[in-house]
Amino acid sequence: MAAKVEAGWTCSVCGRTTARLAVHHVRPVETGRTAEEMEGLCYDTANLQVLCYECHSKVHEGTRGKAGHQERQRMAAARMRDAMERADFGSVPDF
């Protein structure tokens, strides 16, 4: 919501002002190689772009749309699980 307010509720591509906006990650979160890098990409305001739904759809053309997004999310979750399993948590007790 803060990104939309900061952008004045205006699409950064076409300039349309509307309440129906998407906040797009310029560099996809799932491209991070570690959990920390993915978290950084997720919350880095410099990695966000406010777009109307029409422009957001155009940005994702050729990326297999929703199915491609869901597959990338599954891959990102798997990478995060792998990173967590490899992490050294020291003396964290088992529950």
N, C-alpha and C. Protein backbone atom coordinates (compact mmCIF):
# COMPACT_ATOMS: atom_id res chain seq x y z
N MET A 1 0.83 -1.19 0.00
CA MET A 1 0.00 0.00 0.00
C MET A 1 0.87 1.25 0.00
N ALA A 2 1.97 1.23 0.75
CA ALA A 2 2.84 2.41 0.82
C ALA A 2 3.39 2.78 -0.54
N ALA A 3 3.73 1.76 -1.36
CA ALA A 3 4.27 2.04 -2.69
C ALA A 3 3.22 2.73 -3.56
N LYS A 4 1.97 2.33 -3.43
CA LYS A 4 0.89 2.94 -4.21
C LYS A 4 0.67 4.39 -3.79
N VAL A 5 0.68 4.63 -2.49
CA VAL A 5 0.50 5.99 -1.98
C VAL A 5 1.66 6.86 -2.44
N GLU A 6 2.89 6.34 -2.31
CA GLU A 6 4.08 7.09 -2.72
C GLU A 6 4.03 7.43 -4.21
N ALA A 7 3.47 6.51 -5.01
CA ALA A 7 3.37 6.74 -6.45
C ALA A 7 2.17 7.63 -6.81
N GLY A 8 1.44 8.07 -5.81
CA GLY A 8 0.27 8.91 -6.08
C GLY A 8 -0.84 8.17 -6.79
N TRP A 9 -0.92 6.85 -6.55
CA TRP A 9 -1.93 6.00 -7.17
C TRP A 9 -1.88 6.09 -8.69
N THR A 10 -0.65 6.22 -9.22
CA THR A 10 -0.44 6.41 -10.65
C THR A 10 0.46 5.30 -11.20
N CYS A 11 0.07 4.72 -12.32
CA CYS A 11 0.87 3.69 -13.00
C CYS A 11 2.17 4.32 -13.48
N SER A 12 3.28 3.66 -13.18
CA SER A 12 4.58 4.21 -13.57
C SER A 12 4.88 4.03 -15.05
N VAL A 13 4.06 3.27 -15.78
CA VAL A 13 4.28 3.07 -17.21
C VAL A 13 3.38 3.99 -18.04
N CYS A 14 2.07 3.91 -17.82
CA CYS A 14 1.15 4.67 -18.68
C CYS A 14 0.66 5.97 -18.06
N GLY A 15 0.88 6.16 -16.77
CA GLY A 15 0.48 7.39 -16.11
C GLY A 15 -0.96 7.44 -15.67
N ARG A 16 -1.69 6.34 -15.83
CA ARG A 16 -3.09 6.28 -15.42
C ARG A 16 -3.18 6.33 -13.89
N THR A 17 -4.10 7.15 -13.38
CA THR A 17 -4.35 7.21 -11.94
C THR A 17 -5.59 6.39 -11.65
N THR A 18 -5.44 5.40 -10.77
CA THR A 18 -6.54 4.48 -10.45
C THR A 18 -6.28 3.84 -9.10
N ALA A 19 -7.34 3.38 -8.47
CA ALA A 19 -7.22 2.65 -7.20
C ALA A 19 -6.86 1.18 -7.44
N ARG A 20 -7.01 0.72 -8.68
CA ARG A 20 -6.69 -0.68 -9.01
C ARG A 20 -5.28 -0.75 -9.59
N LEU A 21 -4.34 -0.96 -8.69
CA LEU A 21 -2.93 -1.03 -9.07
C LEU A 21 -2.29 -2.29 -8.54
N ALA A 22 -1.27 -2.74 -9.22
CA ALA A 22 -0.46 -3.87 -8.77
C ALA A 22 0.92 -3.34 -8.40
N VAL A 23 1.52 -3.94 -7.39
CA VAL A 23 2.90 -3.61 -7.05
C VAL A 23 3.75 -4.76 -7.58
N HIS A 24 4.54 -4.46 -8.57
CA HIS A 24 5.33 -5.45 -9.32
C HIS A 24 6.77 -5.45 -8.83
N HIS A 25 7.33 -6.64 -8.65
CA HIS A 25 8.76 -6.75 -8.34
C HIS A 25 9.53 -6.72 -9.67
N VAL A 26 10.36 -5.71 -9.85
CA VAL A 26 11.12 -5.55 -11.09
C VAL A 26 12.02 -6.77 -11.29
N ARG A 27 12.79 -7.12 -10.29
CA ARG A 27 13.56 -8.36 -10.32
C ARG A 27 12.78 -9.37 -9.49
N PRO A 28 12.29 -10.44 -10.09
CA PRO A 28 11.46 -11.40 -9.38
C PRO A 28 12.13 -11.93 -8.11
N VAL A 29 11.35 -12.02 -7.06
CA VAL A 29 11.86 -12.49 -5.77
C VAL A 29 12.49 -13.88 -5.89
N GLU A 30 11.88 -14.73 -6.71
CA GLU A 30 12.36 -16.11 -6.82
C GLU A 30 13.72 -16.22 -7.53
N THR A 31 14.25 -15.12 -8.05
CA THR A 31 15.57 -15.17 -8.67
C THR A 31 16.68 -15.07 -7.64
N GLY A 32 16.33 -14.78 -6.39
CA GLY A 32 17.34 -14.73 -5.33
C GLY A 32 17.95 -16.11 -5.12
N ARG A 33 19.24 -16.15 -4.84
CA ARG A 33 19.92 -17.44 -4.67
C ARG A 33 19.86 -17.96 -3.24
N THR A 34 19.62 -17.09 -2.28
CA THR A 34 19.54 -17.49 -0.88
C THR A 34 18.24 -16.95 -0.29
N ALA A 35 17.87 -17.47 0.86
CA ALA A 35 16.67 -16.98 1.53
C ALA A 35 16.82 -15.50 1.85
N GLU A 36 18.00 -15.09 2.26
CA GLU A 36 18.24 -13.69 2.60
C GLU A 36 18.11 -12.79 1.37
N GLU A 37 18.64 -13.25 0.25
CA GLU A 37 18.55 -12.47 -0.98
C GLU A 37 17.10 -12.36 -1.46
N MET A 38 16.34 -13.45 -1.35
CA MET A 38 14.93 -13.42 -1.74
C MET A 38 14.15 -12.47 -0.84
N GLU A 39 14.44 -12.50 0.46
CA GLU A 39 13.77 -11.59 1.38
C GLU A 39 14.11 -10.14 1.05
N GLY A 40 15.37 -9.90 0.73
CA GLY A 40 15.78 -8.56 0.35
C GLY A 40 15.05 -8.07 -0.89
N LEU A 41 14.93 -8.92 -1.89
CA LEU A 41 14.22 -8.55 -3.11
C LEU A 41 12.74 -8.29 -2.84
N CYS A 42 12.19 -9.03 -1.92
CA CYS A 42 10.77 -8.90 -1.61
C CYS A 42 10.45 -7.54 -1.01
N TYR A 43 11.30 -7.07 -0.11
CA TYR A 43 10.99 -5.85 0.65
C TYR A 43 11.76 -4.61 0.20
N ASP A 44 12.63 -4.74 -0.78
CA ASP A 44 13.41 -3.60 -1.27
C ASP A 44 12.51 -2.69 -2.08
N THR A 45 12.27 -1.48 -1.59
CA THR A 45 11.37 -0.56 -2.29
C THR A 45 11.92 -0.16 -3.66
N ALA A 46 13.23 -0.23 -3.84
CA ALA A 46 13.82 0.08 -5.14
C ALA A 46 13.51 -1.02 -6.16
N ASN A 47 13.04 -2.18 -5.69
CA ASN A 47 12.71 -3.30 -6.57
C ASN A 47 11.21 -3.33 -6.88
N LEU A 48 10.48 -2.32 -6.46
CA LEU A 48 9.03 -2.28 -6.67
C LEU A 48 8.66 -1.28 -7.75
N GLN A 49 7.62 -1.62 -8.50
CA GLN A 49 7.10 -0.75 -9.55
C GLN A 49 5.58 -0.81 -9.47
N VAL A 50 4.94 0.35 -9.38
CA VAL A 50 3.48 0.43 -9.31
C VAL A 50 2.93 0.48 -10.73
N LEU A 51 2.05 -0.48 -11.05
CA LEU A 51 1.49 -0.61 -12.40
C LEU A 51 -0.02 -0.80 -12.35
N CYS A 52 -0.73 -0.25 -13.34
CA CYS A 52 -2.15 -0.58 -13.49
C CYS A 52 -2.21 -2.04 -13.96
N TYR A 53 -3.38 -2.64 -13.85
CA TYR A 53 -3.48 -4.06 -14.20
C TYR A 53 -3.17 -4.32 -15.67
N GLU A 54 -3.54 -3.40 -16.54
CA GLU A 54 -3.25 -3.58 -17.97
C GLU A 54 -1.73 -3.62 -18.22
N CYS A 55 -1.02 -2.65 -17.66
CA CYS A 55 0.44 -2.62 -17.83
C CYS A 55 1.11 -3.79 -17.15
N HIS A 56 0.57 -4.21 -15.99
CA HIS A 56 1.14 -5.36 -15.28
C HIS A 56 1.00 -6.62 -16.13
N SER A 57 -0.14 -6.77 -16.79
CA SER A 57 -0.34 -7.93 -17.68
C SER A 57 0.66 -7.90 -18.83
N LYS A 58 0.89 -6.71 -19.40
CA LYS A 58 1.85 -6.58 -20.50
C LYS A 58 3.26 -6.93 -20.05
N VAL A 59 3.63 -6.53 -18.84
CA VAL A 59 4.97 -6.84 -18.31
C VAL A 59 5.17 -8.35 -18.25
N HIS A 60 4.09 -9.08 -17.93
CA HIS A 60 4.21 -10.53 -17.76
C HIS A 60 3.93 -11.32 -19.03
N GLU A 61 3.66 -10.65 -20.16
CA GLU A 61 3.47 -11.37 -21.41
C GLU A 61 4.73 -12.17 -21.72
N GLY A 62 4.54 -13.40 -22.13
CA GLY A 62 5.69 -14.24 -22.48
C GLY A 62 6.29 -14.96 -21.29
N THR A 63 5.73 -14.74 -20.09
CA THR A 63 6.25 -15.44 -18.91
C THR A 63 5.29 -16.54 -18.47
N ARG A 64 4.43 -16.97 -19.38
CA ARG A 64 3.44 -18.02 -19.14
C ARG A 64 2.40 -17.60 -18.13
N GLY A 65 2.22 -16.31 -17.92
CA GLY A 65 1.14 -15.79 -17.09
C GLY A 65 1.09 -16.38 -15.70
N LYS A 66 -0.12 -16.67 -15.25
CA LYS A 66 -0.34 -17.16 -13.89
C LYS A 66 0.33 -18.51 -13.67
N ALA A 67 0.27 -19.39 -14.65
CA ALA A 67 0.90 -20.71 -14.51
C ALA A 67 2.41 -20.57 -14.33
N GLY A 68 3.02 -19.68 -15.09
CA GLY A 68 4.45 -19.45 -14.96
C GLY A 68 4.79 -18.86 -13.62
N HIS A 69 3.97 -17.93 -13.15
CA HIS A 69 4.18 -17.32 -11.84
C HIS A 69 4.08 -18.37 -10.74
N GLN A 70 3.08 -19.23 -10.81
CA GLN A 70 2.91 -20.26 -9.79
C GLN A 70 4.08 -21.24 -9.80
N GLU A 71 4.58 -21.59 -10.98
CA GLU A 71 5.74 -22.49 -11.07
C GLU A 71 6.97 -21.83 -10.46
N ARG A 72 7.18 -20.55 -10.74
CA ARG A 72 8.32 -19.84 -10.16
C ARG A 72 8.20 -19.76 -8.64
N GLN A 73 6.97 -19.61 -8.14
CA GLN A 73 6.75 -19.57 -6.70
C GLN A 73 7.08 -20.92 -6.06
N ARG A 74 6.70 -22.01 -6.72
CA ARG A 74 7.02 -23.35 -6.21
C ARG A 74 8.53 -23.56 -6.18
N MET A 75 9.21 -23.11 -7.23
CA MET A 75 10.67 -23.25 -7.29
C MET A 75 11.33 -22.42 -6.20
N ALA A 76 10.84 -21.21 -5.96
CA ALA A 76 11.39 -20.34 -4.92
C ALA A 76 11.20 -20.96 -3.55
N ALA A 77 10.03 -21.53 -3.30
CA ALA A 77 9.76 -22.16 -2.01
C ALA A 77 10.68 -23.35 -1.80
N ALA A 78 10.91 -24.12 -2.84
CA ALA A 78 11.81 -25.27 -2.74
C ALA A 78 13.24 -24.81 -2.43
N ARG A 79 13.70 -23.73 -3.10
CA ARG A 79 15.04 -23.21 -2.83
C ARG A 79 15.15 -22.70 -1.40
N MET A 80 14.10 -22.07 -0.91
CA MET A 80 14.12 -21.55 0.45
C MET A 80 14.16 -22.71 1.45
N ARG A 81 13.37 -23.75 1.21
CA ARG A 81 13.41 -24.93 2.10
C ARG A 81 14.80 -25.54 2.11
N ASP A 82 15.42 -25.66 0.94
CA ASP A 82 16.77 -26.21 0.85
C ASP A 82 17.77 -25.35 1.62
N ALA A 83 17.66 -24.04 1.49
CA ALA A 83 18.56 -23.12 2.18
C ALA A 83 18.37 -23.24 3.69
N MET A 84 17.13 -23.36 4.14
CA MET A 84 16.86 -23.50 5.57
C MET A 84 17.43 -24.81 6.11
N GLU A 85 17.32 -25.88 5.33
CA GLU A 85 17.84 -27.18 5.76
C GLU A 85 19.36 -27.15 5.87
N ARG A 86 20.03 -26.39 5.00
CA ARG A 86 21.49 -26.31 5.02
C ARG A 86 22.01 -25.34 6.07
N ALA A 87 21.14 -24.45 6.56
CA ALA A 87 21.57 -23.43 7.51
C ALA A 87 21.98 -24.08 8.82
N ASP A 88 22.96 -23.49 9.45
CA ASP A 88 23.44 -23.97 10.75
C ASP A 88 22.71 -23.18 11.83
N PHE A 89 21.80 -23.85 12.52
CA PHE A 89 21.04 -23.18 13.55
C PHE A 89 21.64 -23.40 14.94
N GLY A 90 22.82 -23.97 15.00
CA GLY A 90 23.52 -24.11 16.28
C GLY A 90 22.75 -24.94 17.27
N SER A 91 22.46 -24.35 18.43
CA SER A 91 21.87 -25.12 19.52
C SER A 91 20.36 -24.93 19.62
N VAL A 92 19.70 -24.81 18.50
CA VAL A 92 18.23 -24.69 18.52
C VAL A 92 17.66 -26.05 18.91
N PRO A 93 16.85 -26.08 19.98
CA PRO A 93 16.32 -27.37 20.44
C PRO A 93 15.24 -27.92 19.51
N ASP A 94 15.13 -29.22 19.44
CA ASP A 94 14.04 -29.87 18.72
C ASP A 94 12.80 -29.82 19.58
N PHE A 95 11.67 -29.59 18.98
CA PHE A 95 10.41 -29.58 19.73
C PHE A 95 9.56 -30.74 19.36
